[in-house]
C-alpha cells in the first residue's frame, strides 16, 4: 500500500499536478489607476509603492496599473478594459475618479471597487483614506519651531475638504508652538504640475518665506526651497534621504498596509464596502524622518505629541478653534466631528489666503 501511495505521488509530479492548494489557486487580478506618473516622486508613486508592497506580501495577487489617467468620464474606459481582461478588484487612487467608478460599479456587481478620498459607495464599492491631518499637525509643530521669519508658504492643489484639512491641521500645529507665525496659501488647481508648484514656491520665497510646505504631487517646491537655501516640509513620501538638509520632515503615506488588509478580506470572503479612515495607529499615515538640522528638543516635543495621538490622548481638532476671521468654530472641551472634518471649508486662525468656491 505504501509503495502505491509513493508511486501515485511521483506520477502526479511527473504529470505536472500538485497537491498544494496554493499552487492551483487562481490569482486575484487587481488594477490600480493613477492620476499622475507612477514615478512622480509623490502621490502616485506612494500608491505604486503600496501596490508593490501588496504584490510582495500576498502571492495570490496579480497587479497592474495605468498611470496619468484623466479624471472624469475618460477613466471609465480604462476601468471597463481592465474588467474585460479579467480584473476583479479596482483601486482608483484619485478623488476625480469617483463618479466614473461609481457608474461602472453599478454595471459590474461582482467586481470590487475601492476609491481613495471619495464619499460615494455601493455594495461593491468602498472608500478609503488616512487621517493625514494627524501627520500634518505634527509637521506643523516642526515648522512652527523652526521658522525664523514666521512666514510659511503652503503650495496647495485644489480647494477641496481634503486639502483644506491639511492646511488647517498644519496651521494648528504651527500656531501651538508659535503664535507669531502665519501660513500663506497659493492654489495651483492641479495635483501634478511641477512648473506651477515651483512658481508658487518661488513667490513665497520672494516674499520672505523660510519654510515651504506642499500638498501637491511633485517635489518641485522642495527643489525650489533647496535652491534658495531654505527649509521644506514634504508630502506623500518620506524623502529625507534625497533632501536630508532641506526637508525638516515628511507627511508620508503607507498605502500597502491598507491594500494588504483589503485583499486578505477579499481572499477570505469577508470584504464589505466601508468608508475607511485610518489614523496613525494603523500605520497608513506616518511622520517621516527628521531633517539633519532639526534640534533634539523639537524632535522630543513632536514625538511626545505623536505618542499621544496614537494612544487617543490628543485630538488635533479639539477646541477652542477659531477661524481666520476670529469666529469661534469649536468650543473648548469639544472636538470637530468627523463629518465636519470631511466637509471642511474654512481656514483656521493663522492662515493667510482664501478658499475659492
Protein backbone atom coordinates (compact mmCIF):
# COMPACT_ATOMS: atom_id res chain seq x y z
CA UNK A 1 0.00 0.00 0.00
CA UNK A 2 2.80 2.43 0.91
CA UNK A 3 4.52 1.73 -2.39
CA UNK A 4 1.30 2.50 -4.24
CA UNK A 5 0.91 5.88 -2.48
CA UNK A 6 4.52 6.82 -3.27
CA UNK A 7 4.03 5.75 -6.88
CA UNK A 8 0.90 7.92 -7.24
CA UNK A 9 2.65 10.96 -5.73
CA UNK A 10 5.64 10.57 -8.06
CA UNK A 11 3.33 10.10 -11.01
CA UNK A 12 1.47 13.27 -10.08
CA UNK A 13 4.70 15.29 -10.03
CA UNK A 14 5.78 13.85 -13.36
CA UNK A 15 2.44 14.76 -14.92
CA UNK A 16 2.69 18.31 -13.60
CA UNK A 17 -0.02 18.03 -10.94
CA UNK A 18 0.33 19.46 -7.44
CA UNK A 19 -1.39 18.62 -4.22
CA UNK A 20 -0.70 22.16 -2.95
CA UNK A 21 -3.84 24.32 -2.88
CA UNK A 22 -1.67 27.45 -3.20
CA UNK A 23 -0.12 26.25 -6.48
CA UNK A 24 -3.54 25.56 -8.00
CA UNK A 25 -5.15 28.68 -6.59
CA UNK A 26 -6.39 31.19 -9.16
CA UNK A 27 -4.79 34.59 -8.64
CA UNK A 28 -6.86 37.66 -7.85
CA UNK A 29 -6.24 40.26 -10.56
CA UNK A 30 -6.02 43.79 -9.13
CA UNK A 31 -5.82 47.04 -11.13
CA UNK A 32 -4.66 50.46 -9.93
CA UNK A 33 -5.49 53.80 -11.58
CA UNK A 34 -3.04 56.67 -11.00
CA UNK A 35 -3.74 60.32 -11.78
CA UNK A 36 -0.03 61.03 -12.39
CA UNK A 37 3.10 59.14 -13.45
CA UNK A 38 3.83 56.08 -11.30
CA UNK A 39 7.24 57.63 -10.53
CA UNK A 40 6.08 61.22 -9.91
CA UNK A 41 8.04 61.40 -6.67
CA UNK A 42 4.83 61.94 -4.70
CA UNK A 43 1.21 60.80 -4.56
CA UNK A 44 1.07 58.28 -7.39
CA UNK A 45 4.49 56.87 -6.55
CA UNK A 46 3.36 56.35 -2.95
CA UNK A 47 0.38 54.35 -4.24
CA UNK A 48 2.62 52.38 -6.59
CA UNK A 49 4.91 51.52 -3.70
CA UNK A 50 1.78 50.28 -1.93
CA UNK A 51 0.94 48.13 -4.97
CA UNK A 52 4.43 46.63 -4.94
CA UNK A 53 4.13 46.01 -1.19
CA UNK A 54 0.85 44.18 -1.83
CA UNK A 55 2.33 42.08 -4.62
CA UNK A 56 5.29 41.16 -2.42
CA UNK A 57 3.24 40.15 0.62
CA UNK A 58 0.36 38.22 -0.99
CA UNK A 59 1.41 35.58 -3.55
CA UNK A 60 -2.18 35.00 -4.66
CA UNK A 61 -2.43 38.55 -6.03
CA UNK A 62 -1.55 39.75 -9.54
CA UNK A 63 -1.42 43.52 -10.08
CA UNK A 64 -1.28 46.02 -12.92
CA UNK A 65 -1.59 49.80 -13.16
CA UNK A 66 -2.43 52.64 -15.54
CA UNK A 67 -0.73 55.99 -15.00
CA UNK A 68 -1.69 59.58 -15.88
CA UNK A 69 -5.34 58.54 -16.21
CA UNK A 70 -7.58 61.57 -16.91
CA UNK A 71 -10.07 62.34 -14.17
CA UNK A 72 -13.74 62.33 -15.12
CA UNK A 73 -15.51 60.34 -17.83
CA UNK A 74 -12.37 59.27 -19.80
CA UNK A 75 -11.26 56.97 -16.99
CA UNK A 76 -14.41 54.83 -17.40
CA UNK A 77 -12.93 53.19 -20.50
CA UNK A 78 -9.75 52.33 -18.61
CA UNK A 79 -11.77 50.66 -15.85
CA UNK A 80 -14.00 48.72 -18.25
CA UNK A 81 -10.99 47.50 -20.21
CA UNK A 82 -9.47 46.07 -17.04
CA UNK A 83 -12.72 44.29 -16.17
CA UNK A 84 -12.97 42.82 -19.67
CA UNK A 85 -9.46 41.45 -19.15
CA UNK A 86 -10.44 39.58 -16.01
CA UNK A 87 -9.57 42.08 -13.28
CA UNK A 88 -11.95 41.73 -10.34
CA UNK A 89 -10.57 44.39 -7.97
CA UNK A 90 -10.14 48.05 -8.98
CA UNK A 91 -8.39 50.72 -6.87
CA UNK A 92 -8.96 54.30 -8.01
CA UNK A 93 -6.38 56.47 -6.29
CA UNK A 94 -7.63 60.00 -7.00
CA UNK A 95 -10.69 61.98 -5.95
CA UNK A 96 -11.65 62.76 -9.55
CA UNK A 97 -12.15 59.06 -10.38
CA UNK A 98 -15.13 58.85 -8.03
CA UNK A 99 -18.09 59.36 -10.37
CA UNK A 100 -16.65 57.12 -13.07
CA UNK A 101 -16.02 54.30 -10.61
CA UNK A 102 -19.48 54.76 -9.13
CA UNK A 103 -21.06 54.44 -12.58
CA UNK A 104 -19.07 51.38 -13.61
CA UNK A 105 -19.59 49.66 -10.25
CA UNK A 106 -23.33 49.60 -10.92
CA UNK A 107 -22.76 47.65 -14.15
CA UNK A 108 -20.40 45.08 -12.58
CA UNK A 109 -21.78 44.00 -9.17
CA UNK A 110 -19.28 41.11 -8.96
CA UNK A 111 -16.26 43.39 -9.25
CA UNK A 112 -14.92 45.08 -6.10
CA UNK A 113 -14.10 48.79 -6.24
CA UNK A 114 -12.14 50.85 -3.70
CA UNK A 115 -11.96 54.61 -4.20
CA UNK A 116 -9.38 56.79 -2.46
CA UNK A 117 -10.56 60.00 -0.74
CA UNK A 118 -14.12 59.97 -2.06
CA UNK A 119 -17.51 59.64 -0.38
CA UNK A 120 -19.77 57.67 -2.76
CA UNK A 121 -20.28 53.99 -2.00
CA UNK A 122 -22.17 50.98 -3.31
CA UNK A 123 -22.48 47.42 -2.06
CA UNK A 124 -19.40 46.61 -4.17
CA UNK A 125 -17.63 49.98 -3.79
CA UNK A 126 -15.90 51.23 -0.67
CA UNK A 127 -13.83 54.35 0.05
CA UNK A 128 -10.53 54.70 1.84
CA UNK A 129 -8.25 57.39 3.18
CA UNK A 130 -6.00 58.02 6.14
CA UNK A 131 -6.11 60.67 8.84
CA UNK A 132 -3.22 62.54 7.29
CA UNK A 133 -4.26 65.62 9.26
CA UNK A 134 -2.53 63.99 12.25
CA UNK A 135 0.83 63.93 10.46
CA UNK A 136 0.11 67.41 9.02
CA UNK A 137 -0.32 68.72 12.54
CA UNK A 138 2.95 67.15 13.69
CA UNK A 139 4.77 68.63 10.70
CA UNK A 140 3.26 71.99 11.63
CA UNK A 141 4.83 71.72 15.07
CA UNK A 142 8.22 71.25 13.42
CA UNK A 143 7.69 74.19 11.07
CA UNK A 144 6.46 76.47 13.86
CA UNK A 145 9.53 75.81 15.97
CA UNK A 146 11.98 76.06 13.06
CA UNK A 147 10.81 79.20 11.25
CA UNK A 148 12.74 82.43 11.85
CA UNK A 149 10.79 84.74 9.54
CA UNK A 150 7.40 83.46 10.77
CA UNK A 151 6.30 83.30 7.12
CA UNK A 152 5.50 79.77 5.94
CA UNK A 153 4.26 79.07 2.42
CA UNK A 154 1.83 76.26 1.57
CA UNK A 155 1.54 75.18 -2.09
CA UNK A 156 -1.98 73.75 -2.40
CA UNK A 157 -3.65 71.84 -5.28
CA UNK A 158 -7.48 72.09 -5.16
CA UNK A 159 -9.74 73.75 -2.53
CA UNK A 160 -11.48 70.51 -1.54
CA UNK A 161 -12.01 69.45 2.10
CA UNK A 162 -9.08 67.02 1.99
CA UNK A 163 -6.66 69.87 1.21
CA UNK A 164 -8.31 72.46 3.47
CA UNK A 165 -8.00 69.91 6.28
CA UNK A 166 -4.27 69.57 5.54
CA UNK A 167 -3.70 73.30 5.70
CA UNK A 168 -5.79 73.77 8.85
CA UNK A 169 -4.21 70.94 10.83
CA UNK A 170 -0.73 72.02 9.73
CA UNK A 171 -1.50 75.57 10.89
CA UNK A 172 -2.92 74.34 14.20
CA UNK A 173 0.47 72.72 14.81
CA UNK A 174 2.38 75.82 13.75
CA UNK A 175 0.36 78.12 15.99
CA UNK A 176 0.50 75.81 19.01
CA UNK A 177 4.21 76.49 19.32
CA UNK A 178 4.50 79.88 17.58
CA UNK A 179 1.62 82.38 17.72
CA UNK A 180 3.52 84.85 15.53
CA UNK A 181 3.85 82.50 12.55
CA UNK A 182 1.40 82.56 9.64
CA UNK A 183 0.77 80.07 6.84
CA UNK A 184 0.25 81.59 3.37
CA UNK A 185 -1.60 79.67 0.65
CA UNK A 186 -1.31 79.63 -3.15
CA UNK A 187 -3.58 77.34 -5.19
CA UNK A 188 -2.19 75.59 -8.28
CA UNK A 189 -5.54 74.00 -9.29
CA UNK A 190 -3.65 70.87 -10.28
CA UNK A 191 -2.50 67.73 -8.50
CA UNK A 192 0.65 67.40 -10.56
CA UNK A 193 2.12 70.47 -12.24
CA UNK A 194 5.80 70.90 -11.34
CA UNK A 195 6.06 74.27 -13.13
CA UNK A 196 3.16 75.79 -11.16
CA UNK A 197 4.36 74.26 -7.91
CA UNK A 198 7.85 75.64 -8.40
CA UNK A 199 6.47 79.07 -9.33
CA UNK A 200 4.30 79.19 -6.20
CA UNK A 201 7.27 78.26 -4.01
CA UNK A 202 9.40 80.95 -5.65
CA UNK A 203 6.68 83.52 -4.96
CA UNK A 204 6.67 82.60 -1.30
CA UNK A 205 10.47 82.75 -1.15
CA UNK A 206 10.48 86.22 -2.75
CA UNK A 207 8.02 87.36 -0.07
CA UNK A 208 10.22 86.16 2.78
CA UNK A 209 9.16 82.58 3.48
CA UNK A 210 11.81 80.42 5.11
CA UNK A 211 9.78 77.17 5.04
CA UNK A 212 7.73 75.75 2.15
CA UNK A 213 5.08 73.04 2.63
CA UNK A 214 3.11 71.40 -0.15
CA UNK A 215 0.05 69.28 -0.73
CA UNK A 216 0.85 68.69 -4.40
CA UNK A 217 2.29 65.59 -6.01
CA UNK A 218 5.75 66.57 -7.24
CA UNK A 219 8.89 67.57 -5.31
CA UNK A 220 9.24 70.79 -7.37
CA UNK A 221 8.54 73.10 -4.41
CA UNK A 222 11.14 71.26 -2.34
CA UNK A 223 13.69 71.64 -5.11
CA UNK A 224 12.93 75.39 -5.17
CA UNK A 225 13.43 75.55 -1.40
CA UNK A 226 16.74 73.72 -1.67
CA UNK A 227 17.93 76.10 -4.37
CA UNK A 228 17.03 79.07 -2.18
CA UNK A 229 18.73 77.58 0.89
CA UNK A 230 15.56 77.37 3.00
CA UNK A 231 13.60 74.51 4.57
CA UNK A 232 10.68 72.44 3.27
CA UNK A 233 8.04 70.03 4.55
CA UNK A 234 7.49 67.09 2.19
CA UNK A 235 4.27 65.28 1.36
CA UNK A 236 3.26 61.78 0.18
CA UNK A 237 6.58 60.02 0.77
CA UNK A 238 9.48 60.15 3.21
CA UNK A 239 12.21 61.74 1.07
CA UNK A 240 14.71 62.54 3.82
CA UNK A 241 17.46 60.59 2.05
CA UNK A 242 17.15 62.77 -1.05
CA UNK A 243 16.91 66.11 0.80
CA UNK A 244 18.50 65.50 4.24
CA UNK A 245 19.30 69.16 4.93
CA UNK A 246 16.30 70.78 3.22
CA UNK A 247 13.36 68.62 4.31
CA UNK A 248 12.54 69.06 8.00
CA UNK A 249 10.16 66.09 7.90
CA UNK A 250 7.65 64.39 5.60
CA UNK A 251 3.95 63.61 5.91
CA UNK A 252 4.01 60.17 4.38
CA UNK A 253 1.55 57.51 3.23
CA UNK A 254 1.93 53.76 3.65
CA UNK A 255 -0.87 52.55 1.36
CA UNK A 256 0.43 48.97 1.30
CA UNK A 257 -0.95 48.39 4.80
CA UNK A 258 -4.47 49.05 3.55
CA UNK A 259 -4.07 47.17 0.26
CA UNK A 260 -2.95 44.02 2.05
CA UNK A 261 -5.85 44.36 4.51
CA UNK A 262 -8.41 44.59 1.68
CA UNK A 263 -7.02 41.71 -0.39
CA UNK A 264 -6.86 39.44 2.63
CA UNK A 265 -10.53 40.17 3.28
CA UNK A 266 -11.42 39.52 -0.36
CA UNK A 267 -9.43 36.28 -0.34
CA UNK A 268 -11.16 35.16 2.87
CA UNK A 269 -14.61 36.19 1.66
CA UNK A 270 -15.09 38.74 4.46
CA UNK A 271 -14.79 42.00 2.49
CA UNK A 272 -17.59 44.54 2.82
CA UNK A 273 -17.80 48.05 1.43
CA UNK A 274 -16.82 50.55 4.14
CA UNK A 275 -15.64 54.13 4.44
CA UNK A 276 -12.18 53.51 5.85
CA UNK A 277 -10.37 56.39 7.56
CA UNK A 278 -7.40 55.01 9.46
CA UNK A 279 -5.21 57.01 11.79
CA UNK A 280 -1.53 56.92 12.69
CA UNK A 281 -2.11 53.92 14.95
CA UNK A 282 -2.88 51.79 11.86
CA UNK A 283 0.35 52.72 10.07
CA UNK A 284 -1.37 54.09 6.95
CA UNK A 285 -0.06 57.58 7.73
CA UNK A 286 3.18 58.50 9.42
CA UNK A 287 5.67 61.25 10.04
CA UNK A 288 8.91 60.72 8.15
CA UNK A 289 12.46 61.08 9.38
CA UNK A 290 13.56 64.41 10.82
CA UNK A 291 15.97 66.52 8.82
CA UNK A 292 19.60 66.69 9.83
CA UNK A 293 19.21 70.22 11.22
CA UNK A 294 16.18 69.59 13.47
CA UNK A 295 17.21 70.07 17.14
CA UNK A 296 16.66 67.30 19.67
CA UNK A 297 14.21 69.39 21.74
CA UNK A 298 11.99 69.80 18.67
CA UNK A 299 12.07 66.06 17.98
CA UNK A 300 11.17 65.24 21.58
CA UNK A 301 8.17 67.59 21.61
CA UNK A 302 6.83 66.24 18.31
CA UNK A 303 7.36 62.58 19.23
CA UNK A 304 5.54 63.17 22.53
CA UNK A 305 2.53 64.52 20.64
CA UNK A 306 2.75 61.61 18.18
CA UNK A 307 2.51 59.10 21.02
CA UNK A 308 -0.46 60.96 22.47
CA UNK A 309 -2.24 60.89 19.10
CA UNK A 310 -1.66 57.15 18.65
CA UNK A 311 -2.92 56.49 22.18
CA UNK A 312 -6.02 58.63 21.61
CA UNK A 313 -4.99 61.13 24.29
CA UNK A 314 -4.63 64.12 21.95
CA UNK A 315 -7.07 65.32 19.29
CA UNK A 316 -5.83 67.69 16.59
CA UNK A 317 -9.20 69.39 16.09
CA UNK A 318 -10.02 69.83 19.78
CA UNK A 319 -11.31 73.28 20.80
CA UNK A 320 -11.03 76.08 21.23
CA UNK A 321 -10.51 76.64 17.50
CA UNK A 322 -11.13 79.97 15.78
CA UNK A 323 -11.43 80.61 12.06
CA UNK A 324 -9.21 83.12 10.29
CA UNK A 325 -11.78 85.88 10.97
CA UNK A 326 -11.76 85.28 14.73
CA UNK A 327 -15.05 83.38 14.96
CA UNK A 328 -15.14 80.53 17.49
CA UNK A 329 -15.79 77.34 15.48
CA UNK A 330 -15.03 74.62 18.04
CA UNK A 331 -15.63 75.27 21.74
CA UNK A 332 -13.21 74.30 24.46
CA UNK A 333 -13.80 70.72 25.58
CA UNK A 334 -15.28 69.72 22.24
CA UNK A 335 -13.82 68.19 19.08
CA UNK A 336 -14.75 68.88 15.48
CA UNK A 337 -16.87 65.87 14.42
CA UNK A 338 -15.62 63.63 11.61
CA UNK A 339 -18.49 64.67 9.32
CA UNK A 340 -17.33 68.29 9.64
CA UNK A 341 -13.69 67.36 9.11
CA UNK A 342 -14.71 65.57 5.92
CA UNK A 343 -16.55 68.63 4.60
CA UNK A 344 -14.20 71.30 5.94
CA UNK A 345 -14.37 74.58 4.01
CA UNK A 346 -12.99 77.22 6.35
CA UNK A 347 -9.48 78.23 7.36
CA UNK A 348 -8.29 78.37 10.95
CA UNK A 349 -6.70 81.37 12.58
CA UNK A 350 -3.19 81.89 11.24
CA UNK A 351 -3.89 81.04 7.60
CA UNK A 352 -3.44 83.85 5.06
CA UNK A 353 -5.43 83.19 1.92
CA UNK A 354 -8.95 82.33 0.81
CA UNK A 355 -10.86 79.25 -0.34
CA UNK A 356 -12.26 79.68 -3.87
CA UNK A 357 -15.80 78.40 -4.34
